Structure formats: C-alpha cells, structure tokens
C-alpha atoms as a PDB file:
ATOM      1  CA  MET A   1      14.598  -8.070   5.912  1.00  0.00           C
ATOM      2  CA  TYR A   2      15.688  -6.234   2.307  1.00  0.00           C
ATOM      3  CA  GLU A   3      13.005  -3.095   3.549  1.00  0.00           C
ATOM      4  CA  THR A   4      16.114  -2.763   7.077  1.00  0.00           C
ATOM      5  CA  GLY A   5      18.717  -5.156   5.832  1.00  0.00           C
ATOM      6  CA  ARG A   6      18.445  -6.855   8.339  1.00  0.00           C
ATOM      7  CA  GLY A   7      20.632 -10.980   7.474  1.00  0.00           C
ATOM      8  CA  VAL A   8      20.892  -9.336   3.976  1.00  0.00           C
ATOM      9  CA  ALA A   9      21.848  -6.577   2.016  1.00  0.00           C
ATOM     10  CA  LYS A  10      19.141  -3.316   1.932  1.00  0.00           C
ATOM     11  CA  ASN A  11      17.254  -3.375  -1.079  1.00  0.00           C
ATOM     12  CA  ASP A  12      14.380  -1.399  -1.573  1.00  0.00           C
ATOM     13  CA  ALA A  13      13.141  -3.250  -4.703  1.00  0.00           C
ATOM     14  CA  GLU A  14      13.697  -6.400  -3.511  1.00  0.00           C
ATOM     15  CA  ALA A  15      11.591  -5.191  -0.396  1.00  0.00           C
ATOM     16  CA  MET A  16       8.429  -4.343  -2.296  1.00  0.00           C
ATOM     17  CA  LYS A  17       9.133  -7.501  -4.197  1.00  0.00           C
ATOM     18  CA  TRP A  18       8.558  -9.422  -1.316  1.00  0.00           C
ATOM     19  CA  TYR A  19       5.715  -7.164   0.338  1.00  0.00           C
ATOM     20  CA  ARG A  20       3.878  -7.673  -2.910  1.00  0.00           C
ATOM     21  CA  LEU A  21       3.590 -11.386  -2.980  1.00  0.00           C
ATOM     22  CA  SER A  22       2.422 -10.959   0.956  1.00  0.00           C
ATOM     23  CA  ALA A  23       0.023  -8.704  -0.091  1.00  0.00           C
ATOM     24  CA  GLN A  24      -1.197 -11.149  -3.143  1.00  0.00           C
ATOM     25  CA  GLN A  25      -1.380 -14.023  -0.426  1.00  0.00           C
ATOM     26  CA  GLY A  26      -3.819 -11.802   1.634  1.00  0.00           C
ATOM     27  CA  SER A  27      -1.488 -10.016   4.068  1.00  0.00           C
ATOM     28  CA  VAL A  28      -3.263  -7.275   5.532  1.00  0.00           C
ATOM     29  CA  ASP A  29      -0.026  -5.540   6.953  1.00  0.00           C
ATOM     30  CA  ALA A  30       1.663  -6.407   3.802  1.00  0.00           C
ATOM     31  CA  GLN A  31      -0.884  -4.436   1.832  1.00  0.00           C
ATOM     32  CA  LEU A  32      -0.687  -1.549   4.167  1.00  0.00           C
ATOM     33  CA  LYS A  33       3.003  -1.617   4.052  1.00  0.00           C
ATOM     34  CA  LEU A  34       3.074  -1.118   0.469  1.00  0.00           C
ATOM     35  CA  GLY A  35       0.612   1.641   0.783  1.00  0.00           C
ATOM     36  CA  PHE A  36       3.232   3.209   3.065  1.00  0.00           C
ATOM     37  CA  LEU A  37       5.900   2.553   0.835  1.00  0.00           C
ATOM     38  CA  TYR A  38       4.390   4.234  -2.608  1.00  0.00           C
ATOM     39  CA  GLY A  39       3.693   7.164  -0.569  1.00  0.00           C
ATOM     40  CA  LEU A  40       6.965   7.803   0.518  1.00  0.00           C
ATOM     41  CA  GLY A  41       8.574   6.679  -2.936  1.00  0.00           C
ATOM     42  CA  ILE A  42      10.920   3.509  -1.209  1.00  0.00           C
ATOM     43  CA  GLY A  43      10.912   0.850  -3.721  1.00  0.00           C
ATOM     44  CA  VAL A  44       9.310   2.625  -6.452  1.00  0.00           C
ATOM     45  CA  PRO A  45       8.446   5.466  -8.098  1.00  0.00           C
ATOM     46  CA  LYS A  46       5.934   7.544  -5.201  1.00  0.00           C
ATOM     47  CA  ASN A  47       2.931   7.576  -6.099  1.00  0.00           C
ATOM     48  CA  ASN A  48       0.221   8.952  -3.708  1.00  0.00           C
ATOM     49  CA  VAL A  49      -3.030   7.728  -5.574  1.00  0.00           C
ATOM     50  CA  LEU A  50      -1.814   3.952  -5.105  1.00  0.00           C
ATOM     51  CA  ALA A  51      -0.636   4.997  -1.331  1.00  0.00           C
ATOM     52  CA  TYR A  52      -3.877   5.694  -0.613  1.00  0.00           C
ATOM     53  CA  ALA A  53      -5.672   3.109  -2.581  1.00  0.00           C
ATOM     54  CA  LEU A  54      -4.000   0.346  -0.621  1.00  0.00           C
ATOM     55  CA  VAL A  55      -4.287   2.046   2.572  1.00  0.00           C
ATOM     56  CA  ASN A  56      -8.176   2.593   2.245  1.00  0.00           C
ATOM     57  CA  GLN A  57      -8.643  -0.897   1.464  1.00  0.00           C
ATOM     58  CA  ALA A  58      -6.148  -2.430   3.899  1.00  0.00           C
ATOM     59  CA  ILE A  59      -7.426   0.068   7.281  1.00  0.00           C
ATOM     60  CA  PRO A  60     -10.669  -1.858   7.925  1.00  0.00           C
ATOM     61  CA  ARG A  61      -9.494  -5.289   7.748  1.00  0.00           C
ATOM     62  CA  ILE A  62      -7.160  -4.655  10.265  1.00  0.00           C
ATOM     63  CA  LYS A  63      -7.636  -5.967  13.725  1.00  0.00           C
ATOM     64  CA  PRO A  64      -7.898  -4.358  16.504  1.00  0.00           C
ATOM     65  CA  ALA A  65      -7.969  -0.778  14.699  1.00  0.00           C
ATOM     66  CA  GLN A  66      -5.088   1.557  14.684  1.00  0.00           C
ATOM     67  CA  PRO A  67      -5.544   4.998  14.876  1.00  0.00           C
ATOM     68  CA  GLU A  68      -2.541   6.155  13.540  1.00  0.00           C
ATOM     69  CA  ASN A  69      -3.460   3.979  10.606  1.00  0.00           C
ATOM     70  CA  THR A  70      -6.300   6.299   9.676  1.00  0.00           C
ATOM     71  CA  ALA A  71      -4.483   9.487  10.648  1.00  0.00           C
ATOM     72  CA  VAL A  72      -2.064   8.490   7.337  1.00  0.00           C
ATOM     73  CA  LYS A  73      -4.945   7.731   4.895  1.00  0.00           C
ATOM     74  CA  ALA A  74      -5.916  11.422   5.831  1.00  0.00           C
ATOM     75  CA  PHE A  75      -2.655  12.573   5.457  1.00  0.00           C
ATOM     76  CA  ILE A  76      -2.605  11.037   1.957  1.00  0.00           C
ATOM     77  CA  ALA A  77      -5.602  12.600   1.134  1.00  0.00           C
ATOM     78  CA  GLY A  78      -4.793  15.656   2.149  1.00  0.00           C
ATOM     79  CA  LYS A  79      -2.312  15.517  -0.760  1.00  0.00           C
ATOM     80  CA  LEU A  80      -4.609  14.466  -3.368  1.00  0.00           C
ATOM     81  CA  THR A  81      -6.987  16.456  -5.665  1.00  0.00           C
ATOM     82  CA  SER A  82     -10.737  15.485  -5.561  1.00  0.00           C
ATOM     83  CA  THR A  83     -10.524  13.823  -8.921  1.00  0.00           C
ATOM     84  CA  GLN A  84      -7.090  12.162  -7.748  1.00  0.00           C
ATOM     85  CA  LEU A  85      -8.940  10.794  -4.334  1.00  0.00           C
ATOM     86  CA  SER A  86     -11.934   9.542  -7.036  1.00  0.00           C
ATOM     87  CA  LEU A  87      -9.568   7.723  -8.784  1.00  0.00           C
ATOM     88  CA  ALA A  88      -8.109   6.520  -5.910  1.00  0.00           C
ATOM     89  CA  ASN A  89     -11.244   5.253  -4.183  1.00  0.00           C
ATOM     90  CA  ASP A  90     -12.272   3.630  -7.578  1.00  0.00           C
ATOM     91  CA  ILE A  91      -8.752   1.466  -7.302  1.00  0.00           C
ATOM     92  CA  SER A  92      -9.616   0.349  -3.766  1.00  0.00           C
ATOM     93  CA  THR A  93     -13.458  -0.961  -5.170  1.00  0.00           C
ATOM     94  CA  ARG A  94     -11.358  -2.697  -7.939  1.00  0.00           C
ATOM     95  CA  LEU A  95      -8.649  -4.402  -5.423  1.00  0.00           C
ATOM     96  CA  GLU A  96     -11.245  -5.413  -2.743  1.00  0.00           C
ATOM     97  CA  LEU A  97     -12.890  -7.583  -5.938  1.00  0.00           C
ATOM     98  CA  ASN A  98      -9.740  -8.722  -7.573  1.00  0.00           C
ATOM     99  CA  GLN A  99      -6.942  -8.997  -5.299  1.00  0.00           C
ATOM    100  CA  SER A 100      -4.483 -11.386  -6.445  1.00  0.00           C
ATOM    101  CA  ASN A 101      -4.935 -10.041  -9.875  1.00  0.00           C
ATOM    102  CA  PHE A 102      -4.382  -6.477  -8.755  1.00  0.00           C
ATOM    103  CA  PHE A 103      -1.247  -7.116  -6.982  1.00  0.00           C
ATOM    104  CA  GLY A 104       0.033  -9.758  -9.554  1.00  0.00           C
ATOM    105  CA  ASN A 105       0.130  -6.510 -11.840  1.00  0.00           C
ATOM    106  CA  ALA A 106       1.078  -3.931  -9.492  1.00  0.00           C
ATOM    107  CA  GLY A 107       3.382  -1.202  -9.548  1.00  0.00           C
END
C-alpha cells in the first residue's frame, strides 16, 4: 500500500516499516522485497551488502524457485567487492540464526 500509494499517500519509509514487520513475522516475500528496496535505496539509504544478505537468505525459502530472484542476487553480488560479499554472507548467516532480532534492528 504505502510503496505504491494504493489507498494511502505514497510513503517509502512507512512501506519499509511494514515490510520489516512482515519479515520479522516470517514473510519471505517481505524479506525479499526489503532486499530489493535496500538495493535500490528506496525508503532507506542504498546498501548493497544488506540487500544481498536479505535476498541470499530469502531465495532458498521461496517455493517454487523463481529464477529472476537468483538473477537479482547475481546482479547485486556483481556490485560488491570480495570483502563486501564476505560480509554480506556473514550477515545472511546471522539473519538465518536470529531473524526476529535482526529485523527488529535493521535499517
């Protein structure tokens, strides 16, 4: 709603808040959307490391698999240095282990 302005005033920061809350409750679609928005810098400062971590952690949980999501992950990875990619993978692992705490503090 807030991302598109459907039924309410468009508000990227408010959209991010609701995506974060949904992801915290376990919505893989919301987590993937957060990754996309961090990668684009919509509603938050652009952060490709966090974008990659979120997308990387969400993709295996999406059933059926969506090849376009893997392409987005590869695209984001191409923007990262090897050090940043290592950090993104570490964040992804920590996210998997402690999802609700992570989303409670993200962004």
